[in-house]
Amino acid sequence: MSYYTRVEYLLGAWQAAQFPDDQGVEVAFAGRSNSGKSSAINAITGRIALARTSKTPGRTQLINFFSMQPHQRLVDLPGYGFAKVPPAMQQHWHELMVSYFEQRQSLTGLVILMDSRHPLKDTDLQMLEWAQQRQLRCHILLSKADKLTQSEGMKVMREVRNAVGETATAQLFSATTRRGVDEARRFLDDCLKVK
């Protein structure tokens, strides 16, 4: 049995002071509010409701930390770009994310969810830039791949890989069909090796 299925919710942080101890290693999941980020976390961990999903984008309002093996964590970041929330809330999320990326020394990798039908939006490129600045390993999950034909999926993946070059790796992913779960886990395995 995969140790991903033993992941447990640790805490949700509304402010940087609430982050857990900055020890061990963690991988963060980021993506637009409608990219399927929470569904991807649930598919990868094999847990139906570990990360909350909703038909209304923007439901992840805290930075949620999940504990794996000792000193290993997955982190669900608030979605960006689409959520219909007041500007003050958007500003708070932005400041919280900046604090997270600037402070967390245990952050070793970033998984960016992009809807495979609409990849590489400006906000996605901003996340790639943050990953580069922090010299993080970065992996793109082109989500909702079940909505594309095989040829469409391969075309999108080639275009994204060409666009990001050495900045990130990329794969097709579907939480619905579980396509790409094993490949995503291999990326996480590499990032979550305790230093």
N, C-alpha and C. Protein backbone atom coordinates (compact mmCIF):
# COMPACT_ATOMS: atom_id res chain seq x y z
N MET A 1 0.85 -1.20 0.00
CA MET A 1 0.00 0.00 0.00
C MET A 1 0.88 1.25 0.00
N SER A 2 0.53 2.21 -0.82
CA SER A 2 1.31 3.45 -0.92
C SER A 2 1.23 4.25 0.36
N TYR A 3 2.36 4.85 0.76
CA TYR A 3 2.31 5.69 1.96
C TYR A 3 1.55 6.98 1.72
N TYR A 4 1.24 7.30 0.46
CA TYR A 4 0.42 8.49 0.19
C TYR A 4 -0.98 8.35 0.79
N THR A 5 -1.46 7.11 0.89
CA THR A 5 -2.81 6.91 1.43
C THR A 5 -2.85 7.14 2.94
N ARG A 6 -1.68 7.29 3.57
CA ARG A 6 -1.65 7.52 5.02
C ARG A 6 -1.49 9.00 5.37
N VAL A 7 -1.63 9.86 4.37
CA VAL A 7 -1.52 11.30 4.60
C VAL A 7 -2.64 11.76 5.52
N GLU A 8 -2.33 12.67 6.43
CA GLU A 8 -3.32 13.21 7.36
C GLU A 8 -3.30 14.73 7.32
N TYR A 9 -4.46 15.33 7.48
CA TYR A 9 -4.54 16.79 7.59
C TYR A 9 -3.79 17.24 8.84
N LEU A 10 -2.92 18.25 8.68
CA LEU A 10 -2.13 18.75 9.80
C LEU A 10 -2.72 20.05 10.33
N LEU A 11 -2.79 21.07 9.48
CA LEU A 11 -3.38 22.35 9.89
C LEU A 11 -3.61 23.24 8.69
N GLY A 12 -4.45 24.26 8.89
CA GLY A 12 -4.67 25.29 7.89
C GLY A 12 -4.17 26.61 8.44
N ALA A 13 -3.37 27.32 7.66
CA ALA A 13 -2.76 28.57 8.13
C ALA A 13 -3.39 29.76 7.41
N TRP A 14 -3.89 30.71 8.20
CA TRP A 14 -4.45 31.96 7.67
C TRP A 14 -3.37 33.04 7.66
N GLN A 15 -2.34 32.85 8.50
CA GLN A 15 -1.22 33.78 8.59
C GLN A 15 0.08 33.00 8.65
N ALA A 16 1.18 33.65 8.25
CA ALA A 16 2.48 32.97 8.23
C ALA A 16 2.89 32.45 9.60
N ALA A 17 2.48 33.15 10.65
CA ALA A 17 2.84 32.73 12.01
C ALA A 17 2.24 31.37 12.36
N GLN A 18 1.25 30.93 11.60
CA GLN A 18 0.59 29.65 11.89
C GLN A 18 1.20 28.48 11.12
N PHE A 19 2.19 28.75 10.27
CA PHE A 19 2.83 27.66 9.54
C PHE A 19 3.45 26.67 10.54
N PRO A 20 3.47 25.39 10.23
CA PRO A 20 4.14 24.43 11.12
C PRO A 20 5.64 24.64 11.12
N ASP A 21 6.33 23.98 12.05
CA ASP A 21 7.79 24.10 12.13
C ASP A 21 8.40 23.84 10.77
N ASP A 22 9.38 24.68 10.42
CA ASP A 22 10.01 24.64 9.11
C ASP A 22 11.14 23.60 9.11
N GLN A 23 10.75 22.34 9.26
CA GLN A 23 11.71 21.23 9.31
C GLN A 23 11.31 20.17 8.31
N GLY A 24 12.25 19.37 7.88
CA GLY A 24 11.95 18.31 6.94
C GLY A 24 11.79 18.84 5.53
N VAL A 25 10.87 18.24 4.77
CA VAL A 25 10.66 18.61 3.37
C VAL A 25 9.17 18.68 3.08
N GLU A 26 8.82 19.55 2.14
CA GLU A 26 7.42 19.64 1.73
C GLU A 26 7.33 20.03 0.26
N VAL A 27 6.24 19.60 -0.38
CA VAL A 27 5.95 19.95 -1.77
C VAL A 27 4.61 20.66 -1.78
N ALA A 28 4.56 21.80 -2.45
CA ALA A 28 3.33 22.60 -2.51
C ALA A 28 2.61 22.37 -3.84
N PHE A 29 1.29 22.43 -3.78
CA PHE A 29 0.43 22.35 -4.96
C PHE A 29 -0.19 23.72 -5.19
N ALA A 30 -0.03 24.25 -6.39
CA ALA A 30 -0.58 25.56 -6.75
C ALA A 30 -1.36 25.43 -8.04
N GLY A 31 -2.24 26.38 -8.28
CA GLY A 31 -2.98 26.36 -9.53
C GLY A 31 -4.12 27.36 -9.51
N ARG A 32 -4.63 27.65 -10.69
CA ARG A 32 -5.78 28.53 -10.77
C ARG A 32 -6.95 27.91 -10.02
N SER A 33 -7.88 28.74 -9.61
CA SER A 33 -8.98 28.29 -8.77
C SER A 33 -9.83 27.21 -9.41
N ASN A 34 -9.81 27.09 -10.71
CA ASN A 34 -10.63 26.08 -11.39
C ASN A 34 -9.78 25.01 -12.07
N SER A 35 -8.57 24.80 -11.58
CA SER A 35 -7.65 23.88 -12.25
C SER A 35 -7.79 22.43 -11.80
N GLY A 36 -8.53 22.18 -10.72
CA GLY A 36 -8.68 20.82 -10.22
C GLY A 36 -7.59 20.42 -9.24
N LYS A 37 -7.05 21.41 -8.52
CA LYS A 37 -5.93 21.19 -7.60
C LYS A 37 -6.30 20.24 -6.46
N SER A 38 -7.42 20.52 -5.79
CA SER A 38 -7.82 19.67 -4.66
C SER A 38 -8.16 18.26 -5.13
N SER A 39 -8.79 18.14 -6.28
CA SER A 39 -9.10 16.81 -6.83
C SER A 39 -7.82 16.04 -7.13
N ALA A 40 -6.80 16.74 -7.61
CA ALA A 40 -5.52 16.08 -7.90
C ALA A 40 -4.88 15.57 -6.61
N ILE A 41 -4.89 16.37 -5.57
CA ILE A 41 -4.32 15.93 -4.28
C ILE A 41 -5.06 14.69 -3.79
N ASN A 42 -6.39 14.70 -3.90
CA ASN A 42 -7.17 13.54 -3.47
C ASN A 42 -6.85 12.30 -4.30
N ALA A 43 -6.68 12.48 -5.61
CA ALA A 43 -6.37 11.34 -6.48
C ALA A 43 -4.98 10.77 -6.16
N ILE A 44 -4.01 11.65 -5.97
CA ILE A 44 -2.63 11.22 -5.69
C ILE A 44 -2.54 10.50 -4.36
N THR A 45 -3.30 10.97 -3.37
CA THR A 45 -3.26 10.34 -2.05
C THR A 45 -4.25 9.19 -1.92
N GLY A 46 -5.10 9.02 -2.93
CA GLY A 46 -6.09 7.95 -2.87
C GLY A 46 -7.14 8.19 -1.80
N ARG A 47 -7.33 9.45 -1.44
CA ARG A 47 -8.30 9.81 -0.40
C ARG A 47 -9.41 10.63 -1.02
N ILE A 48 -10.64 10.28 -0.77
CA ILE A 48 -11.78 10.92 -1.44
C ILE A 48 -11.93 12.38 -1.05
N ALA A 49 -11.72 12.71 0.22
CA ALA A 49 -12.01 14.08 0.67
C ALA A 49 -10.91 14.66 1.55
N LEU A 50 -9.65 14.30 1.26
CA LEU A 50 -8.56 14.87 2.04
C LEU A 50 -8.50 16.37 1.84
N ALA A 51 -8.43 16.79 0.57
CA ALA A 51 -8.48 18.21 0.23
C ALA A 51 -9.91 18.52 -0.21
N ARG A 52 -10.45 19.60 0.28
CA ARG A 52 -11.84 19.93 -0.03
C ARG A 52 -11.99 20.37 -1.48
N THR A 53 -12.96 19.75 -2.14
CA THR A 53 -13.28 20.14 -3.51
C THR A 53 -14.63 20.84 -3.52
N SER A 54 -14.86 21.63 -4.54
CA SER A 54 -16.11 22.37 -4.64
C SER A 54 -16.37 22.73 -6.08
N LYS A 55 -17.64 22.86 -6.42
CA LYS A 55 -17.99 23.34 -7.76
C LYS A 55 -17.77 24.84 -7.86
N THR A 56 -17.61 25.50 -6.72
CA THR A 56 -17.34 26.95 -6.70
C THR A 56 -15.85 27.17 -6.56
N PRO A 57 -15.18 27.74 -7.58
CA PRO A 57 -13.75 27.97 -7.49
C PRO A 57 -13.39 28.89 -6.32
N GLY A 58 -12.19 28.68 -5.76
CA GLY A 58 -11.70 29.57 -4.71
C GLY A 58 -12.05 29.14 -3.30
N ARG A 59 -12.40 27.86 -3.12
CA ARG A 59 -12.78 27.40 -1.78
C ARG A 59 -11.59 27.21 -0.85
N THR A 60 -10.41 26.94 -1.40
CA THR A 60 -9.23 26.80 -0.54
C THR A 60 -8.78 28.21 -0.15
N GLN A 61 -9.06 28.60 1.10
CA GLN A 61 -8.78 29.96 1.53
C GLN A 61 -7.62 30.03 2.50
N LEU A 62 -7.15 28.88 2.96
CA LEU A 62 -6.00 28.81 3.84
C LEU A 62 -4.88 28.08 3.10
N ILE A 63 -3.68 28.15 3.65
CA ILE A 63 -2.62 27.25 3.19
C ILE A 63 -2.76 26.00 4.06
N ASN A 64 -3.15 24.90 3.43
CA ASN A 64 -3.41 23.66 4.17
C ASN A 64 -2.22 22.72 4.08
N PHE A 65 -1.77 22.28 5.26
CA PHE A 65 -0.62 21.38 5.37
C PHE A 65 -1.11 19.98 5.70
N PHE A 66 -0.54 18.99 5.00
CA PHE A 66 -0.87 17.59 5.22
C PHE A 66 0.40 16.84 5.57
N SER A 67 0.33 16.04 6.61
CA SER A 67 1.50 15.31 7.11
C SER A 67 1.57 13.92 6.48
N MET A 68 2.78 13.55 6.04
CA MET A 68 2.99 12.22 5.48
C MET A 68 3.85 11.42 6.44
N GLN A 69 4.98 10.91 5.96
CA GLN A 69 5.95 10.28 6.85
C GLN A 69 6.50 11.38 7.78
N PRO A 70 7.22 11.01 8.85
CA PRO A 70 7.80 12.06 9.70
C PRO A 70 8.61 13.06 8.87
N HIS A 71 8.33 14.33 9.08
CA HIS A 71 9.05 15.43 8.41
C HIS A 71 8.81 15.49 6.91
N GLN A 72 7.68 14.99 6.45
CA GLN A 72 7.28 15.12 5.05
C GLN A 72 5.87 15.68 4.99
N ARG A 73 5.68 16.70 4.13
CA ARG A 73 4.35 17.32 4.05
C ARG A 73 3.98 17.62 2.60
N LEU A 74 2.69 17.57 2.32
CA LEU A 74 2.11 18.13 1.11
C LEU A 74 1.40 19.41 1.53
N VAL A 75 1.40 20.41 0.65
CA VAL A 75 0.82 21.71 0.99
C VAL A 75 -0.13 22.14 -0.12
N ASP A 76 -1.36 22.46 0.26
CA ASP A 76 -2.38 22.91 -0.69
C ASP A 76 -2.49 24.43 -0.58
N LEU A 77 -2.03 25.14 -1.61
CA LEU A 77 -2.05 26.60 -1.61
C LEU A 77 -3.39 27.12 -2.13
N PRO A 78 -3.81 28.32 -1.70
CA PRO A 78 -5.05 28.89 -2.24
C PRO A 78 -4.97 29.03 -3.76
N GLY A 79 -6.08 28.77 -4.43
CA GLY A 79 -6.13 28.94 -5.87
C GLY A 79 -5.99 30.40 -6.25
N TYR A 80 -5.56 30.64 -7.47
CA TYR A 80 -5.37 32.02 -7.90
C TYR A 80 -6.08 32.26 -9.23
N GLY A 81 -6.39 33.52 -9.50
CA GLY A 81 -6.80 33.92 -10.84
C GLY A 81 -8.28 34.00 -11.13
N PHE A 82 -9.11 33.13 -10.56
CA PHE A 82 -10.49 33.09 -11.00
C PHE A 82 -11.49 33.34 -9.87
N ALA A 83 -11.08 33.07 -8.65
CA ALA A 83 -12.02 33.09 -7.53
C ALA A 83 -12.76 34.41 -7.40
N LYS A 84 -14.08 34.30 -7.24
CA LYS A 84 -14.92 35.49 -7.08
C LYS A 84 -14.96 35.87 -5.60
N VAL A 85 -13.89 36.49 -5.16
CA VAL A 85 -13.81 36.93 -3.77
C VAL A 85 -13.46 38.41 -3.77
N PRO A 86 -13.73 39.11 -2.64
CA PRO A 86 -13.43 40.55 -2.58
C PRO A 86 -11.94 40.82 -2.79
N PRO A 87 -11.59 41.99 -3.32
CA PRO A 87 -10.18 42.35 -3.56
C PRO A 87 -9.32 42.22 -2.30
N ALA A 88 -9.88 42.56 -1.14
CA ALA A 88 -9.11 42.47 0.11
C ALA A 88 -8.69 41.03 0.38
N MET A 89 -9.58 40.07 0.07
CA MET A 89 -9.25 38.66 0.26
C MET A 89 -8.17 38.23 -0.73
N GLN A 90 -8.29 38.67 -1.98
CA GLN A 90 -7.27 38.36 -2.98
C GLN A 90 -5.91 38.90 -2.54
N GLN A 91 -5.90 40.11 -2.00
CA GLN A 91 -4.66 40.72 -1.52
C GLN A 91 -4.07 39.92 -0.36
N HIS A 92 -4.95 39.49 0.56
CA HIS A 92 -4.48 38.68 1.69
C HIS A 92 -3.85 37.38 1.19
N TRP A 93 -4.51 36.71 0.25
CA TRP A 93 -3.97 35.47 -0.30
C TRP A 93 -2.61 35.72 -0.92
N HIS A 94 -2.50 36.81 -1.68
CA HIS A 94 -1.22 37.11 -2.34
C HIS A 94 -0.11 37.30 -1.31
N GLU A 95 -0.39 38.07 -0.27
CA GLU A 95 0.62 38.31 0.78
C GLU A 95 0.98 37.02 1.50
N LEU A 96 -0.02 36.17 1.74
CA LEU A 96 0.23 34.89 2.41
C LEU A 96 1.13 34.00 1.54
N MET A 97 0.84 33.97 0.24
CA MET A 97 1.65 33.17 -0.68
C MET A 97 3.08 33.69 -0.77
N VAL A 98 3.25 35.01 -0.83
CA VAL A 98 4.59 35.59 -0.87
C VAL A 98 5.36 35.19 0.39
N SER A 99 4.71 35.31 1.55
CA SER A 99 5.35 34.91 2.82
C SER A 99 5.77 33.45 2.77
N TYR A 100 4.86 32.60 2.25
CA TYR A 100 5.16 31.17 2.18
C TYR A 100 6.39 30.92 1.33
N PHE A 101 6.41 31.47 0.12
CA PHE A 101 7.53 31.21 -0.79
C PHE A 101 8.84 31.82 -0.29
N GLU A 102 8.77 32.94 0.39
CA GLU A 102 9.99 33.58 0.88
C GLU A 102 10.54 32.90 2.12
N GLN A 103 9.67 32.32 2.95
CA GLN A 103 10.10 31.82 4.26
C GLN A 103 10.44 30.34 4.31
N ARG A 104 9.71 29.50 3.59
CA ARG A 104 9.79 28.06 3.82
C ARG A 104 11.06 27.44 3.26
N GLN A 105 11.99 27.14 4.15
CA GLN A 105 13.23 26.48 3.75
C GLN A 105 13.01 24.99 3.47
N SER A 106 11.93 24.43 4.02
CA SER A 106 11.63 23.01 3.81
C SER A 106 10.96 22.75 2.46
N LEU A 107 10.59 23.81 1.75
CA LEU A 107 9.93 23.67 0.45
C LEU A 107 10.94 23.20 -0.60
N THR A 108 10.73 22.00 -1.13
CA THR A 108 11.68 21.44 -2.09
C THR A 108 11.10 21.31 -3.49
N GLY A 109 9.78 21.37 -3.62
CA GLY A 109 9.18 21.19 -4.93
C GLY A 109 7.83 21.87 -5.04
N LEU A 110 7.46 22.16 -6.28
CA LEU A 110 6.18 22.81 -6.55
C LEU A 110 5.49 22.05 -7.68
N VAL A 111 4.22 21.70 -7.45
CA VAL A 111 3.39 21.10 -8.48
C VAL A 111 2.37 22.16 -8.89
N ILE A 112 2.36 22.50 -10.17
CA ILE A 112 1.42 23.50 -10.67
C ILE A 112 0.36 22.80 -11.51
N LEU A 113 -0.89 22.95 -11.10
CA LEU A 113 -2.02 22.40 -11.84
C LEU A 113 -2.45 23.41 -12.90
N MET A 114 -2.56 22.97 -14.12
CA MET A 114 -3.09 23.81 -15.20
C MET A 114 -4.15 23.01 -15.94
N ASP A 115 -5.31 23.59 -16.15
CA ASP A 115 -6.34 22.96 -16.97
C ASP A 115 -5.74 22.72 -18.35
N SER A 116 -5.72 21.48 -18.79
CA SER A 116 -5.06 21.14 -20.05
C SER A 116 -5.69 21.84 -21.25
N ARG A 117 -6.90 22.34 -21.07
CA ARG A 117 -7.56 23.06 -22.17
C ARG A 117 -7.16 24.53 -22.20
N HIS A 118 -6.58 25.02 -21.07
CA HIS A 118 -6.22 26.45 -20.97
C HIS A 118 -4.92 26.60 -20.18
N PRO A 119 -3.80 26.07 -20.67
CA PRO A 119 -2.56 26.13 -19.88
C PRO A 119 -1.82 27.46 -20.05
N LEU A 120 -0.83 27.65 -19.17
CA LEU A 120 0.13 28.75 -19.28
C LEU A 120 -0.50 30.15 -19.29
N LYS A 121 -1.44 30.36 -18.37
CA LYS A 121 -1.98 31.70 -18.17
C LYS A 121 -0.91 32.54 -17.46
N ASP A 122 -1.12 33.86 -17.43
CA ASP A 122 -0.13 34.76 -16.81
C ASP A 122 0.17 34.36 -15.37
N THR A 123 -0.86 33.98 -14.62
CA THR A 123 -0.65 33.62 -13.21
C THR A 123 0.14 32.32 -13.10
N ASP A 124 -0.04 31.40 -14.05
CA ASP A 124 0.77 30.18 -14.06
C ASP A 124 2.24 30.51 -14.29
N LEU A 125 2.48 31.44 -15.20
CA LEU A 125 3.86 31.85 -15.49
C LEU A 125 4.50 32.52 -14.28
N GLN A 126 3.68 33.25 -13.50
CA GLN A 126 4.18 33.87 -12.26
C GLN A 126 4.63 32.79 -11.28
N MET A 127 3.85 31.71 -11.17
CA MET A 127 4.22 30.62 -10.27
C MET A 127 5.52 29.96 -10.73
N LEU A 128 5.67 29.78 -12.04
CA LEU A 128 6.91 29.21 -12.57
C LEU A 128 8.10 30.11 -12.24
N GLU A 129 7.86 31.41 -12.31
CA GLU A 129 8.93 32.36 -11.99
C GLU A 129 9.32 32.27 -10.52
N TRP A 130 8.32 32.16 -9.64
CA TRP A 130 8.62 32.00 -8.20
C TRP A 130 9.43 30.73 -7.96
N ALA A 131 9.05 29.66 -8.65
CA ALA A 131 9.78 28.40 -8.50
C ALA A 131 11.23 28.55 -8.94
N GLN A 132 11.44 29.26 -10.04
CA GLN A 132 12.81 29.50 -10.52
C GLN A 132 13.61 30.32 -9.52
N GLN A 133 12.99 31.38 -8.99
CA GLN A 133 13.68 32.24 -8.04
C GLN A 133 14.11 31.46 -6.80
N ARG A 134 13.28 30.52 -6.38
CA ARG A 134 13.61 29.70 -5.21
C ARG A 134 14.43 28.46 -5.58
N GLN A 135 14.69 28.27 -6.88
CA GLN A 135 15.41 27.09 -7.37
C GLN A 135 14.72 25.80 -6.93
N LEU A 136 13.39 25.80 -7.06
CA LEU A 136 12.60 24.63 -6.71
C LEU A 136 12.45 23.71 -7.92
N ARG A 137 12.38 22.43 -7.66
CA ARG A 137 11.97 21.52 -8.71
C ARG A 137 10.49 21.79 -8.97
N CYS A 138 10.11 21.82 -10.22
CA CYS A 138 8.74 22.19 -10.58
C CYS A 138 8.17 21.19 -11.58
N HIS A 139 6.92 20.80 -11.35
CA HIS A 139 6.25 19.81 -12.20
C HIS A 139 4.85 20.30 -12.50
N ILE A 140 4.47 20.25 -13.77
CA ILE A 140 3.15 20.72 -14.19
C ILE A 140 2.24 19.52 -14.43
N LEU A 141 1.07 19.54 -13.78
CA LEU A 141 0.04 18.56 -14.06
C LEU A 141 -0.99 19.22 -14.97
N LEU A 142 -1.08 18.75 -16.19
CA LEU A 142 -2.08 19.26 -17.14
C LEU A 142 -3.37 18.51 -16.86
N SER A 143 -4.18 19.11 -16.01
CA SER A 143 -5.35 18.44 -15.46
C SER A 143 -6.51 18.37 -16.45
N LYS A 144 -7.50 17.55 -16.06
CA LYS A 144 -8.73 17.37 -16.85
C LYS A 144 -8.41 16.83 -18.25
N ALA A 145 -7.35 16.02 -18.33
CA ALA A 145 -6.92 15.47 -19.62
C ALA A 145 -7.97 14.55 -20.22
N ASP A 146 -8.89 14.06 -19.38
CA ASP A 146 -9.97 13.21 -19.89
C ASP A 146 -10.93 14.00 -20.78
N LYS A 147 -10.85 15.32 -20.77
CA LYS A 147 -11.71 16.16 -21.61
C LYS A 147 -11.14 16.31 -23.02
N LEU A 148 -9.91 15.83 -23.22
CA LEU A 148 -9.26 15.96 -24.52
C LEU A 148 -9.15 14.60 -25.20
N THR A 149 -9.08 14.61 -26.53
CA THR A 149 -8.75 13.37 -27.24
C THR A 149 -7.26 13.09 -27.01
N GLN A 150 -6.86 11.89 -27.35
CA GLN A 150 -5.44 11.54 -27.16
C GLN A 150 -4.53 12.47 -27.95
N SER A 151 -4.89 12.76 -29.21
CA SER A 151 -4.03 13.62 -30.03
C SER A 151 -4.02 15.05 -29.50
N GLU A 152 -5.16 15.53 -29.03
CA GLU A 152 -5.21 16.88 -28.43
C GLU A 152 -4.32 16.94 -27.20
N GLY A 153 -4.40 15.90 -26.36
CA GLY A 153 -3.59 15.86 -25.14
C GLY A 153 -2.10 15.88 -25.44
N MET A 154 -1.69 15.07 -26.41
CA MET A 154 -0.27 15.01 -26.75
C MET A 154 0.21 16.35 -27.32
N LYS A 155 -0.65 17.00 -28.10
CA LYS A 155 -0.29 18.29 -28.69
C LYS A 155 -0.09 19.33 -27.59
N VAL A 156 -1.02 19.37 -26.63
CA VAL A 156 -0.92 20.33 -25.53
C VAL A 156 0.35 20.06 -24.72
N MET A 157 0.62 18.79 -24.43
CA MET A 157 1.79 18.46 -23.63
C MET A 157 3.08 18.89 -24.34
N ARG A 158 3.17 18.64 -25.64
CA ARG A 158 4.35 19.08 -26.40
C ARG A 158 4.50 20.60 -26.34
N GLU A 159 3.39 21.32 -26.53
CA GLU A 159 3.44 22.78 -26.53
C GLU A 159 3.90 23.32 -25.17
N VAL A 160 3.36 22.74 -24.10
CA VAL A 160 3.74 23.20 -22.76
C VAL A 160 5.20 22.87 -22.48
N ARG A 161 5.63 21.66 -22.80
CA ARG A 161 7.03 21.28 -22.57
C ARG A 161 7.98 22.18 -23.35
N ASN A 162 7.61 22.51 -24.58
CA ASN A 162 8.45 23.41 -25.37
C ASN A 162 8.48 24.81 -24.76
N ALA A 163 7.35 25.26 -24.24
CA ALA A 163 7.26 26.62 -23.68
C ALA A 163 8.05 26.76 -22.39
N VAL A 164 8.04 25.73 -21.54
CA VAL A 164 8.71 25.86 -20.24
C VAL A 164 10.16 25.39 -20.28
N GLY A 165 10.54 24.63 -21.29
CA GLY A 165 11.92 24.19 -21.41
C GLY A 165 12.40 23.44 -20.18
N GLU A 166 13.54 23.89 -19.64
CA GLU A 166 14.14 23.23 -18.48
C GLU A 166 13.54 23.72 -17.16
N THR A 167 12.64 24.69 -17.23
CA THR A 167 12.06 25.27 -16.01
C THR A 167 11.23 24.27 -15.23
N ALA A 168 10.55 23.38 -15.94
CA ALA A 168 9.65 22.43 -15.29
C ALA A 168 9.46 21.21 -16.16
N THR A 169 9.04 20.12 -15.53
CA THR A 169 8.59 18.94 -16.26
C THR A 169 7.06 19.03 -16.36
N ALA A 170 6.47 18.28 -17.27
CA ALA A 170 5.02 18.36 -17.45
C ALA A 170 4.46 17.00 -17.85
N GLN A 171 3.21 16.76 -17.46
CA GLN A 171 2.53 15.52 -17.82
C GLN A 171 1.03 15.78 -17.92
N LEU A 172 0.34 14.88 -18.61
CA LEU A 172 -1.11 14.90 -18.64
C LEU A 172 -1.63 14.22 -17.38
N PHE A 173 -2.78 14.71 -16.89
CA PHE A 173 -3.30 14.20 -15.61
C PHE A 173 -4.82 14.28 -15.61
N SER A 174 -5.44 13.27 -15.03
CA SER A 174 -6.90 13.31 -14.83
C SER A 174 -7.23 12.71 -13.48
N ALA A 175 -7.81 13.51 -12.60
CA ALA A 175 -8.26 12.99 -11.30
C ALA A 175 -9.43 12.04 -11.50
N THR A 176 -10.22 12.26 -12.53
CA THR A 176 -11.41 11.43 -12.78
C THR A 176 -11.02 10.01 -13.16
N THR A 177 -10.07 9.87 -14.09
CA THR A 177 -9.67 8.53 -14.55
C THR A 177 -8.41 8.02 -13.85
N ARG A 178 -7.80 8.87 -13.03
CA ARG A 178 -6.54 8.59 -12.32
C ARG A 178 -5.35 8.48 -13.28
N ARG A 179 -5.51 9.01 -14.48
CA ARG A 179 -4.40 9.02 -15.43
C ARG A 179 -3.27 9.90 -14.89
N GLY A 180 -2.06 9.36 -14.87
CA GLY A 180 -0.90 10.14 -14.46
C GLY A 180 -0.60 10.15 -12.98
N VAL A 181 -1.39 9.43 -12.18
CA VAL A 181 -1.17 9.43 -10.72
C VAL A 181 0.21 8.88 -10.37
N ASP A 182 0.58 7.75 -10.98
CA ASP A 182 1.88 7.14 -10.65
C ASP A 182 3.03 8.05 -11.04
N GLU A 183 2.92 8.71 -12.20
CA GLU A 183 3.98 9.63 -12.64
C GLU A 183 4.10 10.81 -11.69
N ALA A 184 2.96 11.34 -11.24
CA ALA A 184 2.98 12.45 -10.29
C ALA A 184 3.61 12.02 -8.97
N ARG A 185 3.31 10.81 -8.53
CA ARG A 185 3.89 10.31 -7.29
C ARG A 185 5.41 10.17 -7.39
N ARG A 186 5.89 9.79 -8.57
CA ARG A 186 7.35 9.65 -8.74
C ARG A 186 8.03 11.01 -8.57
N PHE A 187 7.43 12.07 -9.10
CA PHE A 187 7.99 13.41 -8.90
C PHE A 187 8.00 13.74 -7.40
N LEU A 188 6.89 13.48 -6.72
CA LEU A 188 6.82 13.77 -5.28
C LEU A 188 7.84 12.94 -4.50
N ASP A 189 7.99 11.68 -4.87
CA ASP A 189 8.98 10.82 -4.19
C ASP A 189 10.37 11.46 -4.23
N ASP A 190 10.75 11.96 -5.40
CA ASP A 190 12.07 12.59 -5.54
C ASP A 190 12.20 13.83 -4.67
N CYS A 191 11.15 14.64 -4.62
CA CYS A 191 11.19 15.89 -3.86
C CYS A 191 11.12 15.67 -2.35
N LEU A 192 10.50 14.57 -1.94
CA LEU A 192 10.22 14.36 -0.52
C LEU A 192 11.29 13.53 0.18
N LYS A 193 12.42 13.32 -0.46
CA LYS A 193 13.51 12.64 0.22
C LYS A 193 14.03 13.55 1.32
N VAL A 194 13.96 13.10 2.54
CA VAL A 194 14.38 13.94 3.67
C VAL A 194 15.88 14.18 3.57
N LYS A 195 16.25 15.46 3.68
CA LYS A 195 17.67 15.84 3.56
C LYS A 195 18.49 15.28 4.70
